[in-house]
Amino acid sequence: MVKVDALSYATRLLHPRNVVIVTCAGMDGRPNAITLAWVTPTSFNPPMVALSIAPQRYSHRLIEETGEFVVNVPTVELMDQAYLIGSVSGRDTDKLKLTGLTLLPAKTVKPPIVKECIAHLECKTVNKVVTGDHDLFIGVVLAAYVDEDVFKDRLLNPTKAKTLLHYGLDAFTTISGEVLKPRRRSKWF
């Protein structure tokens, strides 16, 4: 097998990756969200996760201001909404309102949860690390909960919870391997 140079696409060699919708809020309490695939668990005890976000993103500023965020786990049915959230800045647009997603109060932090998502991890930032052109926000999980019907034996059931995976660019998939493309933004504008 011949190997080809892929340095300029090195991060894509680690895809597909789970897509999450991270909700956050500024000091004024106005909610915002960002769609991410660069999220990873970092510790069992205490449970911790890390988010990789570019400093120019509006959500980066909000998480930096308040130190709180919620990781919401969407299913493939929310692909269009996740794509919109990841394609439009919340600085000037209430993208959560555009998507029609339902926001509910979180249990321990100020940013809301997204009701339509199957799982939620409420987090408090404990560290921020600069890593090249992105910053890593490391958060301790204060509360975590999941829809009962998709969680069995301490695992998400992939036949009931078709989590959304990101290939790269605007390509998504599920564990089935089918390549999916979101509808274009014109649906909302």
N, C-alpha and C. Protein backbone atom coordinates (compact mmCIF):
# COMPACT_ATOMS: atom_id res chain seq x y z
N MET A 1 0.84 -1.17 0.00
CA MET A 1 0.00 0.00 0.00
C MET A 1 0.89 1.24 0.00
N VAL A 2 0.56 2.19 -0.85
CA VAL A 2 1.31 3.43 -0.96
C VAL A 2 0.75 4.45 0.02
N LYS A 3 1.62 5.09 0.77
CA LYS A 3 1.21 6.16 1.70
C LYS A 3 1.41 7.49 1.00
N VAL A 4 0.44 8.41 1.17
CA VAL A 4 0.54 9.74 0.57
C VAL A 4 0.63 10.78 1.67
N ASP A 5 1.23 11.90 1.34
CA ASP A 5 1.37 12.98 2.31
C ASP A 5 0.00 13.57 2.65
N ALA A 6 -0.29 13.71 3.94
CA ALA A 6 -1.58 14.24 4.37
C ALA A 6 -1.43 15.26 5.49
N LEU A 7 -0.25 15.87 5.61
CA LEU A 7 -0.02 16.80 6.72
C LEU A 7 -1.04 17.93 6.74
N SER A 8 -1.39 18.47 5.61
CA SER A 8 -2.34 19.59 5.59
C SER A 8 -3.76 19.15 5.99
N TYR A 9 -4.01 17.85 6.02
CA TYR A 9 -5.32 17.32 6.41
C TYR A 9 -5.20 16.39 7.62
N ALA A 10 -4.15 16.55 8.40
CA ALA A 10 -3.86 15.62 9.49
C ALA A 10 -5.03 15.43 10.44
N THR A 11 -5.73 16.49 10.80
CA THR A 11 -6.83 16.34 11.76
C THR A 11 -7.98 15.52 11.18
N ARG A 12 -8.15 15.54 9.87
CA ARG A 12 -9.23 14.76 9.26
C ARG A 12 -8.96 13.26 9.31
N LEU A 13 -7.72 12.89 9.54
CA LEU A 13 -7.39 11.47 9.67
C LEU A 13 -7.96 10.89 10.95
N LEU A 14 -8.44 11.74 11.85
CA LEU A 14 -9.05 11.30 13.11
C LEU A 14 -10.57 11.35 13.06
N HIS A 15 -11.12 11.54 11.87
CA HIS A 15 -12.58 11.58 11.69
C HIS A 15 -13.06 10.26 11.12
N PRO A 16 -14.32 9.90 11.24
CA PRO A 16 -15.41 10.71 11.76
C PRO A 16 -15.37 10.79 13.30
N ARG A 17 -15.94 11.88 13.79
CA ARG A 17 -15.97 12.16 15.24
C ARG A 17 -17.39 12.55 15.64
N ASN A 18 -17.74 12.28 16.88
CA ASN A 18 -19.05 12.67 17.39
C ASN A 18 -19.25 14.17 17.29
N VAL A 19 -20.43 14.55 16.89
CA VAL A 19 -20.83 15.95 16.83
C VAL A 19 -21.57 16.26 18.12
N VAL A 20 -21.28 17.41 18.70
CA VAL A 20 -22.03 17.88 19.87
C VAL A 20 -22.44 19.32 19.63
N ILE A 21 -23.50 19.71 20.30
CA ILE A 21 -23.93 21.10 20.31
C ILE A 21 -23.63 21.62 21.71
N VAL A 22 -22.70 22.54 21.79
CA VAL A 22 -22.30 23.10 23.08
C VAL A 22 -23.06 24.40 23.29
N THR A 23 -23.83 24.46 24.38
CA THR A 23 -24.53 25.69 24.72
C THR A 23 -23.71 26.46 25.75
N CYS A 24 -23.80 27.77 25.64
CA CYS A 24 -23.09 28.65 26.54
C CYS A 24 -23.93 29.92 26.69
N ALA A 25 -23.51 30.80 27.56
CA ALA A 25 -24.22 32.07 27.74
C ALA A 25 -23.22 33.09 28.25
N GLY A 26 -23.42 34.33 27.87
CA GLY A 26 -22.56 35.40 28.35
C GLY A 26 -23.02 35.90 29.71
N MET A 27 -22.35 36.91 30.19
CA MET A 27 -22.69 37.48 31.49
C MET A 27 -24.12 38.05 31.47
N ASP A 28 -24.61 38.42 30.29
CA ASP A 28 -25.97 38.94 30.18
C ASP A 28 -27.02 37.84 30.20
N GLY A 29 -26.58 36.58 30.18
CA GLY A 29 -27.51 35.45 30.23
C GLY A 29 -28.05 35.00 28.89
N ARG A 30 -27.76 35.74 27.80
CA ARG A 30 -28.28 35.36 26.48
C ARG A 30 -27.60 34.08 26.01
N PRO A 31 -28.37 33.04 25.70
CA PRO A 31 -27.78 31.77 25.29
C PRO A 31 -27.25 31.79 23.86
N ASN A 32 -26.26 30.98 23.64
CA ASN A 32 -25.66 30.79 22.33
C ASN A 32 -25.24 29.33 22.24
N ALA A 33 -24.87 28.89 21.05
CA ALA A 33 -24.41 27.51 20.88
C ALA A 33 -23.37 27.45 19.78
N ILE A 34 -22.57 26.41 19.83
CA ILE A 34 -21.57 26.13 18.82
C ILE A 34 -21.58 24.63 18.58
N THR A 35 -21.47 24.24 17.32
CA THR A 35 -21.37 22.82 16.99
C THR A 35 -19.90 22.46 16.91
N LEU A 36 -19.54 21.38 17.58
CA LEU A 36 -18.14 20.95 17.63
C LEU A 36 -18.02 19.45 17.38
N ALA A 37 -16.91 19.05 16.79
CA ALA A 37 -16.54 17.65 16.72
C ALA A 37 -15.24 17.42 17.50
N TRP A 38 -14.55 18.50 17.83
CA TRP A 38 -13.31 18.39 18.59
C TRP A 38 -13.60 18.48 20.08
N VAL A 39 -14.17 17.40 20.60
CA VAL A 39 -14.52 17.27 22.02
C VAL A 39 -14.05 15.89 22.46
N THR A 40 -13.51 15.82 23.67
CA THR A 40 -13.01 14.53 24.15
C THR A 40 -13.10 14.42 25.66
N PRO A 41 -13.38 13.21 26.17
CA PRO A 41 -13.26 13.01 27.60
C PRO A 41 -11.78 13.07 27.98
N THR A 42 -11.50 13.54 29.19
CA THR A 42 -10.10 13.62 29.63
C THR A 42 -9.85 12.95 30.97
N SER A 43 -10.92 12.62 31.72
CA SER A 43 -10.74 12.02 33.05
C SER A 43 -12.02 11.29 33.46
N PHE A 44 -11.83 10.14 34.12
CA PHE A 44 -12.96 9.42 34.71
C PHE A 44 -13.34 10.03 36.06
N ASN A 45 -12.33 10.32 36.89
CA ASN A 45 -12.58 10.75 38.26
C ASN A 45 -11.68 11.92 38.61
N PRO A 46 -12.20 13.13 38.62
CA PRO A 46 -13.59 13.47 38.34
C PRO A 46 -13.84 13.40 36.83
N PRO A 47 -15.10 13.24 36.43
CA PRO A 47 -15.38 13.24 35.00
C PRO A 47 -15.08 14.62 34.42
N MET A 48 -14.30 14.63 33.34
CA MET A 48 -13.91 15.89 32.70
C MET A 48 -13.93 15.72 31.19
N VAL A 49 -14.21 16.82 30.50
CA VAL A 49 -14.17 16.85 29.04
C VAL A 49 -13.40 18.09 28.58
N ALA A 50 -12.91 18.03 27.35
CA ALA A 50 -12.20 19.17 26.76
C ALA A 50 -12.84 19.53 25.43
N LEU A 51 -12.97 20.83 25.19
CA LEU A 51 -13.50 21.37 23.94
C LEU A 51 -12.39 22.15 23.27
N SER A 52 -12.23 22.00 21.97
CA SER A 52 -11.26 22.77 21.21
C SER A 52 -12.02 23.80 20.38
N ILE A 53 -11.77 25.09 20.69
CA ILE A 53 -12.51 26.18 20.04
C ILE A 53 -11.54 27.27 19.60
N ALA A 54 -11.70 27.76 18.38
CA ALA A 54 -10.87 28.86 17.89
C ALA A 54 -11.21 30.15 18.64
N PRO A 55 -10.20 30.94 19.02
CA PRO A 55 -10.43 32.17 19.80
C PRO A 55 -11.35 33.19 19.14
N GLN A 56 -11.45 33.20 17.81
CA GLN A 56 -12.31 34.18 17.16
C GLN A 56 -13.78 33.83 17.22
N ARG A 57 -14.12 32.65 17.69
CA ARG A 57 -15.52 32.24 17.79
C ARG A 57 -16.20 32.97 18.94
N TYR A 58 -17.42 33.37 18.72
CA TYR A 58 -18.21 34.07 19.73
C TYR A 58 -18.38 33.20 20.98
N SER A 59 -18.64 31.92 20.79
CA SER A 59 -18.82 31.01 21.93
C SER A 59 -17.56 30.92 22.78
N HIS A 60 -16.39 31.04 22.16
CA HIS A 60 -15.13 31.04 22.90
C HIS A 60 -15.16 32.15 23.94
N ARG A 61 -15.56 33.35 23.49
CA ARG A 61 -15.61 34.50 24.40
C ARG A 61 -16.60 34.26 25.54
N LEU A 62 -17.77 33.70 25.22
CA LEU A 62 -18.78 33.48 26.25
C LEU A 62 -18.33 32.44 27.29
N ILE A 63 -17.72 31.38 26.83
CA ILE A 63 -17.22 30.35 27.76
C ILE A 63 -16.09 30.93 28.61
N GLU A 64 -15.25 31.73 28.00
CA GLU A 64 -14.16 32.37 28.74
C GLU A 64 -14.72 33.31 29.81
N GLU A 65 -15.78 34.05 29.48
CA GLU A 65 -16.41 35.01 30.41
C GLU A 65 -17.02 34.31 31.63
N THR A 66 -17.80 33.27 31.37
CA THR A 66 -18.59 32.66 32.45
C THR A 66 -17.99 31.39 33.02
N GLY A 67 -17.16 30.72 32.23
CA GLY A 67 -16.56 29.47 32.70
C GLY A 67 -17.53 28.30 32.74
N GLU A 68 -18.64 28.39 32.01
CA GLU A 68 -19.64 27.32 32.02
C GLU A 68 -20.06 26.97 30.60
N PHE A 69 -20.40 25.68 30.41
CA PHE A 69 -20.94 25.23 29.13
C PHE A 69 -21.66 23.91 29.33
N VAL A 70 -22.51 23.57 28.36
CA VAL A 70 -23.21 22.29 28.37
C VAL A 70 -22.91 21.58 27.05
N VAL A 71 -22.47 20.33 27.14
CA VAL A 71 -22.27 19.50 25.96
C VAL A 71 -23.57 18.73 25.75
N ASN A 72 -24.24 19.00 24.63
CA ASN A 72 -25.50 18.35 24.27
C ASN A 72 -25.22 17.38 23.12
N VAL A 73 -25.70 16.14 23.23
CA VAL A 73 -25.42 15.12 22.22
C VAL A 73 -26.64 14.97 21.30
N PRO A 74 -26.49 15.41 20.03
CA PRO A 74 -27.60 15.30 19.09
C PRO A 74 -27.59 13.95 18.37
N THR A 75 -28.72 13.63 17.77
CA THR A 75 -28.82 12.46 16.89
C THR A 75 -28.82 12.94 15.45
N VAL A 76 -28.81 12.00 14.53
CA VAL A 76 -28.78 12.33 13.11
C VAL A 76 -29.99 13.17 12.70
N GLU A 77 -31.09 13.04 13.40
CA GLU A 77 -32.28 13.84 13.09
C GLU A 77 -32.04 15.35 13.27
N LEU A 78 -31.02 15.71 14.01
CA LEU A 78 -30.71 17.12 14.25
C LEU A 78 -29.56 17.63 13.38
N MET A 79 -29.22 16.90 12.33
CA MET A 79 -28.08 17.27 11.49
C MET A 79 -28.24 18.69 10.91
N ASP A 80 -29.39 19.02 10.37
CA ASP A 80 -29.57 20.34 9.78
C ASP A 80 -29.40 21.45 10.82
N GLN A 81 -29.97 21.24 11.98
CA GLN A 81 -29.85 22.25 13.04
C GLN A 81 -28.39 22.37 13.51
N ALA A 82 -27.72 21.24 13.66
CA ALA A 82 -26.31 21.26 14.09
C ALA A 82 -25.47 21.98 13.04
N TYR A 83 -25.75 21.73 11.78
CA TYR A 83 -25.00 22.39 10.70
C TYR A 83 -25.22 23.90 10.74
N LEU A 84 -26.46 24.33 10.90
CA LEU A 84 -26.74 25.76 10.98
C LEU A 84 -26.01 26.39 12.16
N ILE A 85 -26.10 25.76 13.32
CA ILE A 85 -25.44 26.30 14.51
C ILE A 85 -23.94 26.45 14.28
N GLY A 86 -23.35 25.52 13.54
CA GLY A 86 -21.92 25.58 13.27
C GLY A 86 -21.55 26.49 12.11
N SER A 87 -22.53 27.01 11.39
CA SER A 87 -22.26 27.81 10.19
C SER A 87 -22.53 29.30 10.35
N VAL A 88 -23.21 29.69 11.41
CA VAL A 88 -23.62 31.08 11.61
C VAL A 88 -23.10 31.56 12.96
N SER A 89 -22.63 32.79 13.02
CA SER A 89 -22.17 33.35 14.29
C SER A 89 -23.35 33.81 15.13
N GLY A 90 -23.26 33.58 16.42
CA GLY A 90 -24.28 34.04 17.35
C GLY A 90 -24.10 35.49 17.77
N ARG A 91 -23.04 36.14 17.29
CA ARG A 91 -22.82 37.55 17.63
C ARG A 91 -24.01 38.41 17.19
N ASP A 92 -24.47 38.14 15.97
CA ASP A 92 -25.51 38.98 15.38
C ASP A 92 -26.81 38.24 15.10
N THR A 93 -26.82 36.92 15.30
CA THR A 93 -27.96 36.10 14.93
C THR A 93 -28.34 35.20 16.10
N ASP A 94 -29.63 35.12 16.40
CA ASP A 94 -30.10 34.16 17.40
C ASP A 94 -30.31 32.83 16.68
N LYS A 95 -29.21 32.11 16.48
CA LYS A 95 -29.28 30.88 15.70
C LYS A 95 -30.07 29.79 16.40
N LEU A 96 -30.14 29.81 17.71
CA LEU A 96 -30.96 28.83 18.42
C LEU A 96 -32.43 29.05 18.10
N LYS A 97 -32.85 30.29 18.02
CA LYS A 97 -34.24 30.60 17.64
C LYS A 97 -34.50 30.16 16.20
N LEU A 98 -33.54 30.40 15.32
CA LEU A 98 -33.70 29.99 13.91
C LEU A 98 -33.91 28.49 13.76
N THR A 99 -33.23 27.70 14.58
CA THR A 99 -33.32 26.24 14.46
C THR A 99 -34.62 25.68 15.00
N GLY A 100 -35.28 26.43 15.89
CA GLY A 100 -36.51 25.92 16.50
C GLY A 100 -36.25 24.93 17.62
N LEU A 101 -35.00 24.77 18.01
CA LEU A 101 -34.69 23.85 19.11
C LEU A 101 -35.22 24.41 20.42
N THR A 102 -35.55 23.52 21.34
CA THR A 102 -36.14 23.89 22.63
C THR A 102 -35.04 23.99 23.68
N LEU A 103 -34.93 25.14 24.32
CA LEU A 103 -33.96 25.32 25.40
C LEU A 103 -34.67 25.16 26.73
N LEU A 104 -34.03 24.40 27.61
CA LEU A 104 -34.53 24.19 28.96
C LEU A 104 -33.45 24.55 29.97
N PRO A 105 -33.82 24.92 31.19
CA PRO A 105 -32.80 25.23 32.19
C PRO A 105 -31.95 24.00 32.51
N ALA A 106 -30.66 24.24 32.66
CA ALA A 106 -29.76 23.19 33.12
C ALA A 106 -29.93 23.03 34.63
N LYS A 107 -29.40 21.95 35.17
CA LYS A 107 -29.55 21.69 36.60
C LYS A 107 -28.54 22.45 37.46
N THR A 108 -27.31 22.68 36.94
CA THR A 108 -26.26 23.25 37.79
C THR A 108 -25.54 24.46 37.20
N VAL A 109 -25.73 24.73 35.92
CA VAL A 109 -25.03 25.84 35.27
C VAL A 109 -26.05 26.76 34.59
N LYS A 110 -25.60 27.95 34.22
CA LYS A 110 -26.51 28.92 33.59
C LYS A 110 -26.83 28.62 32.13
N PRO A 111 -25.89 28.13 31.31
CA PRO A 111 -26.27 27.82 29.93
C PRO A 111 -27.37 26.75 29.91
N PRO A 112 -28.30 26.86 28.96
CA PRO A 112 -29.41 25.90 28.89
C PRO A 112 -28.99 24.58 28.24
N ILE A 113 -29.87 23.59 28.36
CA ILE A 113 -29.71 22.35 27.61
C ILE A 113 -30.59 22.43 26.37
N VAL A 114 -30.30 21.59 25.39
CA VAL A 114 -31.14 21.47 24.19
C VAL A 114 -31.99 20.22 24.38
N LYS A 115 -33.29 20.44 24.57
CA LYS A 115 -34.22 19.35 24.89
C LYS A 115 -34.17 18.20 23.89
N GLU A 116 -34.05 18.50 22.61
CA GLU A 116 -34.09 17.48 21.57
C GLU A 116 -32.86 16.58 21.55
N CYS A 117 -31.80 16.96 22.24
CA CYS A 117 -30.60 16.13 22.31
C CYS A 117 -30.82 14.99 23.30
N ILE A 118 -30.07 13.90 23.12
CA ILE A 118 -30.29 12.70 23.94
C ILE A 118 -29.48 12.66 25.22
N ALA A 119 -28.45 13.49 25.32
CA ALA A 119 -27.62 13.49 26.53
C ALA A 119 -27.07 14.89 26.75
N HIS A 120 -26.74 15.18 28.01
CA HIS A 120 -26.27 16.51 28.40
C HIS A 120 -25.19 16.37 29.46
N LEU A 121 -24.11 17.11 29.30
CA LEU A 121 -23.05 17.18 30.30
C LEU A 121 -22.88 18.64 30.68
N GLU A 122 -23.22 18.97 31.90
CA GLU A 122 -23.10 20.33 32.39
C GLU A 122 -21.71 20.50 32.98
N CYS A 123 -20.98 21.51 32.51
CA CYS A 123 -19.56 21.62 32.85
C CYS A 123 -19.17 23.00 33.35
N LYS A 124 -18.17 23.01 34.21
CA LYS A 124 -17.53 24.22 34.72
C LYS A 124 -16.07 24.16 34.28
N THR A 125 -15.61 25.21 33.64
CA THR A 125 -14.23 25.25 33.15
C THR A 125 -13.25 25.27 34.32
N VAL A 126 -12.24 24.41 34.24
CA VAL A 126 -11.20 24.39 35.27
C VAL A 126 -9.84 24.78 34.72
N ASN A 127 -9.72 24.82 33.38
CA ASN A 127 -8.45 25.19 32.78
C ASN A 127 -8.67 25.54 31.31
N LYS A 128 -7.79 26.36 30.80
CA LYS A 128 -7.77 26.69 29.37
C LYS A 128 -6.33 26.58 28.91
N VAL A 129 -6.13 25.86 27.81
CA VAL A 129 -4.79 25.66 27.28
C VAL A 129 -4.77 26.14 25.83
N VAL A 130 -3.80 26.98 25.49
CA VAL A 130 -3.65 27.43 24.12
C VAL A 130 -2.94 26.33 23.33
N THR A 131 -3.55 25.92 22.22
CA THR A 131 -2.97 24.86 21.40
C THR A 131 -2.98 25.30 19.94
N GLY A 132 -1.99 26.03 19.51
CA GLY A 132 -1.94 26.49 18.12
C GLY A 132 -3.05 27.48 17.85
N ASP A 133 -3.88 27.21 16.83
CA ASP A 133 -4.93 28.16 16.46
C ASP A 133 -6.26 27.90 17.18
N HIS A 134 -6.27 27.00 18.14
CA HIS A 134 -7.45 26.72 18.96
C HIS A 134 -7.05 26.72 20.43
N ASP A 135 -8.02 26.97 21.28
CA ASP A 135 -7.83 26.85 22.73
C ASP A 135 -8.62 25.66 23.22
N LEU A 136 -8.06 24.98 24.18
CA LEU A 136 -8.71 23.82 24.78
C LEU A 136 -9.32 24.25 26.11
N PHE A 137 -10.66 24.19 26.20
CA PHE A 137 -11.36 24.46 27.45
C PHE A 137 -11.58 23.11 28.14
N ILE A 138 -11.03 22.96 29.32
CA ILE A 138 -11.18 21.72 30.07
C ILE A 138 -12.20 21.96 31.16
N GLY A 139 -13.25 21.14 31.16
CA GLY A 139 -14.34 21.33 32.11
C GLY A 139 -14.60 20.10 32.95
N VAL A 140 -14.89 20.32 34.20
CA VAL A 140 -15.33 19.23 35.07
C VAL A 140 -16.84 19.08 34.88
N VAL A 141 -17.30 17.86 34.77
CA VAL A 141 -18.72 17.58 34.56
C VAL A 141 -19.42 17.62 35.91
N LEU A 142 -20.34 18.57 36.08
CA LEU A 142 -21.07 18.73 37.34
C LEU A 142 -22.35 17.90 37.36
N ALA A 143 -22.94 17.69 36.18
CA ALA A 143 -24.16 16.89 36.05
C ALA A 143 -24.15 16.28 34.66
N ALA A 144 -24.63 15.05 34.57
CA ALA A 144 -24.75 14.36 33.28
C ALA A 144 -26.03 13.53 33.31
N TYR A 145 -26.80 13.62 32.24
CA TYR A 145 -28.03 12.85 32.17
C TYR A 145 -28.33 12.52 30.72
N VAL A 146 -29.14 11.48 30.54
CA VAL A 146 -29.37 10.92 29.21
C VAL A 146 -30.81 10.44 29.12
N ASP A 147 -31.37 10.43 27.92
CA ASP A 147 -32.70 9.86 27.71
C ASP A 147 -32.66 8.38 28.05
N GLU A 148 -33.53 7.97 28.94
CA GLU A 148 -33.53 6.61 29.48
C GLU A 148 -33.60 5.53 28.39
N ASP A 149 -34.40 5.76 27.35
CA ASP A 149 -34.62 4.72 26.34
C ASP A 149 -33.42 4.50 25.41
N VAL A 150 -32.41 5.35 25.43
CA VAL A 150 -31.25 5.16 24.56
C VAL A 150 -30.00 4.72 25.32
N PHE A 151 -30.13 4.56 26.63
CA PHE A 151 -28.98 4.24 27.47
C PHE A 151 -29.22 2.92 28.18
N LYS A 152 -28.37 1.93 27.91
CA LYS A 152 -28.55 0.61 28.52
C LYS A 152 -27.18 0.05 28.88
N ASP A 153 -27.10 -0.54 30.05
CA ASP A 153 -25.84 -1.14 30.51
C ASP A 153 -24.68 -0.15 30.44
N ARG A 154 -24.96 1.10 30.81
CA ARG A 154 -23.97 2.18 30.86
C ARG A 154 -23.39 2.56 29.50
N LEU A 155 -24.12 2.23 28.42
CA LEU A 155 -23.68 2.58 27.07
C LEU A 155 -24.85 3.14 26.26
N LEU A 156 -24.53 4.06 25.34
CA LEU A 156 -25.56 4.51 24.40
C LEU A 156 -25.86 3.37 23.45
N ASN A 157 -27.13 3.11 23.21
CA ASN A 157 -27.55 2.05 22.29
C ASN A 157 -27.57 2.64 20.87
N PRO A 158 -26.62 2.24 20.00
CA PRO A 158 -26.51 2.87 18.68
C PRO A 158 -27.68 2.57 17.74
N THR A 159 -28.48 1.57 18.04
CA THR A 159 -29.65 1.32 17.20
C THR A 159 -30.81 2.23 17.57
N LYS A 160 -30.81 2.73 18.80
CA LYS A 160 -31.87 3.65 19.24
C LYS A 160 -31.41 5.10 19.21
N ALA A 161 -30.13 5.32 19.38
CA ALA A 161 -29.57 6.67 19.41
C ALA A 161 -28.55 6.80 18.30
N LYS A 162 -29.01 7.17 17.14
CA LYS A 162 -28.10 7.31 16.00
C LYS A 162 -27.37 8.64 16.12
N THR A 163 -26.27 8.61 16.86
CA THR A 163 -25.52 9.84 17.06
C THR A 163 -24.93 10.32 15.74
N LEU A 164 -24.75 11.60 15.65
CA LEU A 164 -24.26 12.25 14.45
C LEU A 164 -22.74 12.28 14.49
N LEU A 165 -22.12 11.87 13.40
CA LEU A 165 -20.66 11.90 13.28
C LEU A 165 -20.28 12.86 12.17
N HIS A 166 -19.15 13.56 12.35
CA HIS A 166 -18.67 14.51 11.37
C HIS A 166 -17.47 13.93 10.62
N TYR A 167 -17.56 13.89 9.29
CA TYR A 167 -16.43 13.47 8.45
C TYR A 167 -15.43 14.60 8.27
N GLY A 168 -15.94 15.78 8.02
CA GLY A 168 -15.14 16.95 7.68
C GLY A 168 -15.94 17.79 6.71
N LEU A 169 -15.62 19.10 6.67
CA LEU A 169 -16.35 20.05 5.84
C LEU A 169 -17.84 19.93 6.14
N ASP A 170 -18.69 19.68 5.12
CA ASP A 170 -20.13 19.59 5.37
C ASP A 170 -20.62 18.15 5.22
N ALA A 171 -19.78 17.18 5.49
CA ALA A 171 -20.16 15.77 5.37
C ALA A 171 -20.32 15.15 6.75
N PHE A 172 -21.43 14.43 6.92
CA PHE A 172 -21.75 13.78 8.19
C PHE A 172 -22.06 12.31 7.92
N THR A 173 -22.14 11.53 8.98
CA THR A 173 -22.48 10.12 8.86
C THR A 173 -23.06 9.64 10.19
N THR A 174 -23.44 8.39 10.22
CA THR A 174 -23.81 7.69 11.45
C THR A 174 -22.96 6.44 11.50
N ILE A 175 -23.20 5.58 12.47
CA ILE A 175 -22.41 4.35 12.53
C ILE A 175 -22.68 3.44 11.35
N SER A 176 -23.73 3.69 10.59
CA SER A 176 -24.04 2.90 9.40
C SER A 176 -23.04 3.16 8.28
N GLY A 177 -22.37 4.30 8.30
CA GLY A 177 -21.41 4.65 7.28
C GLY A 177 -21.97 5.45 6.13
N GLU A 178 -23.28 5.66 6.09
CA GLU A 178 -23.91 6.43 5.03
C GLU A 178 -23.46 7.89 5.12
N VAL A 179 -23.01 8.47 4.00
CA VAL A 179 -22.61 9.87 3.98
C VAL A 179 -23.86 10.73 3.84
N LEU A 180 -23.98 11.73 4.72
CA LEU A 180 -25.15 12.60 4.77
C LEU A 180 -24.72 14.04 4.55
N LYS A 181 -25.56 14.80 3.88
CA LYS A 181 -25.29 16.23 3.66
C LYS A 181 -26.46 17.03 4.20
N PRO A 182 -26.20 18.07 4.97
CA PRO A 182 -27.29 18.90 5.50
C PRO A 182 -27.92 19.75 4.41
N ARG A 183 -29.15 20.18 4.68
CA ARG A 183 -29.79 21.15 3.80
C ARG A 183 -29.03 22.46 3.91
N ARG A 184 -29.07 23.22 2.91
CA ARG A 184 -28.36 24.51 2.94
C ARG A 184 -29.05 25.51 3.82
N ARG A 185 -28.32 26.52 4.21
CA ARG A 185 -28.82 27.54 5.13
C ARG A 185 -30.05 28.27 4.63
N SER A 186 -30.31 28.24 3.34
CA SER A 186 -31.43 29.01 2.80
C SER A 186 -32.75 28.60 3.44
N LYS A 187 -32.80 27.41 4.02
CA LYS A 187 -34.01 26.99 4.73
C LYS A 187 -34.35 27.99 5.86
N TRP A 188 -33.33 28.58 6.45
CA TRP A 188 -33.56 29.46 7.60
C TRP A 188 -33.51 30.94 7.24
N PHE A 189 -32.95 31.29 6.12
CA PHE A 189 -32.81 32.72 5.77
C PHE A 189 -33.67 33.07 4.58
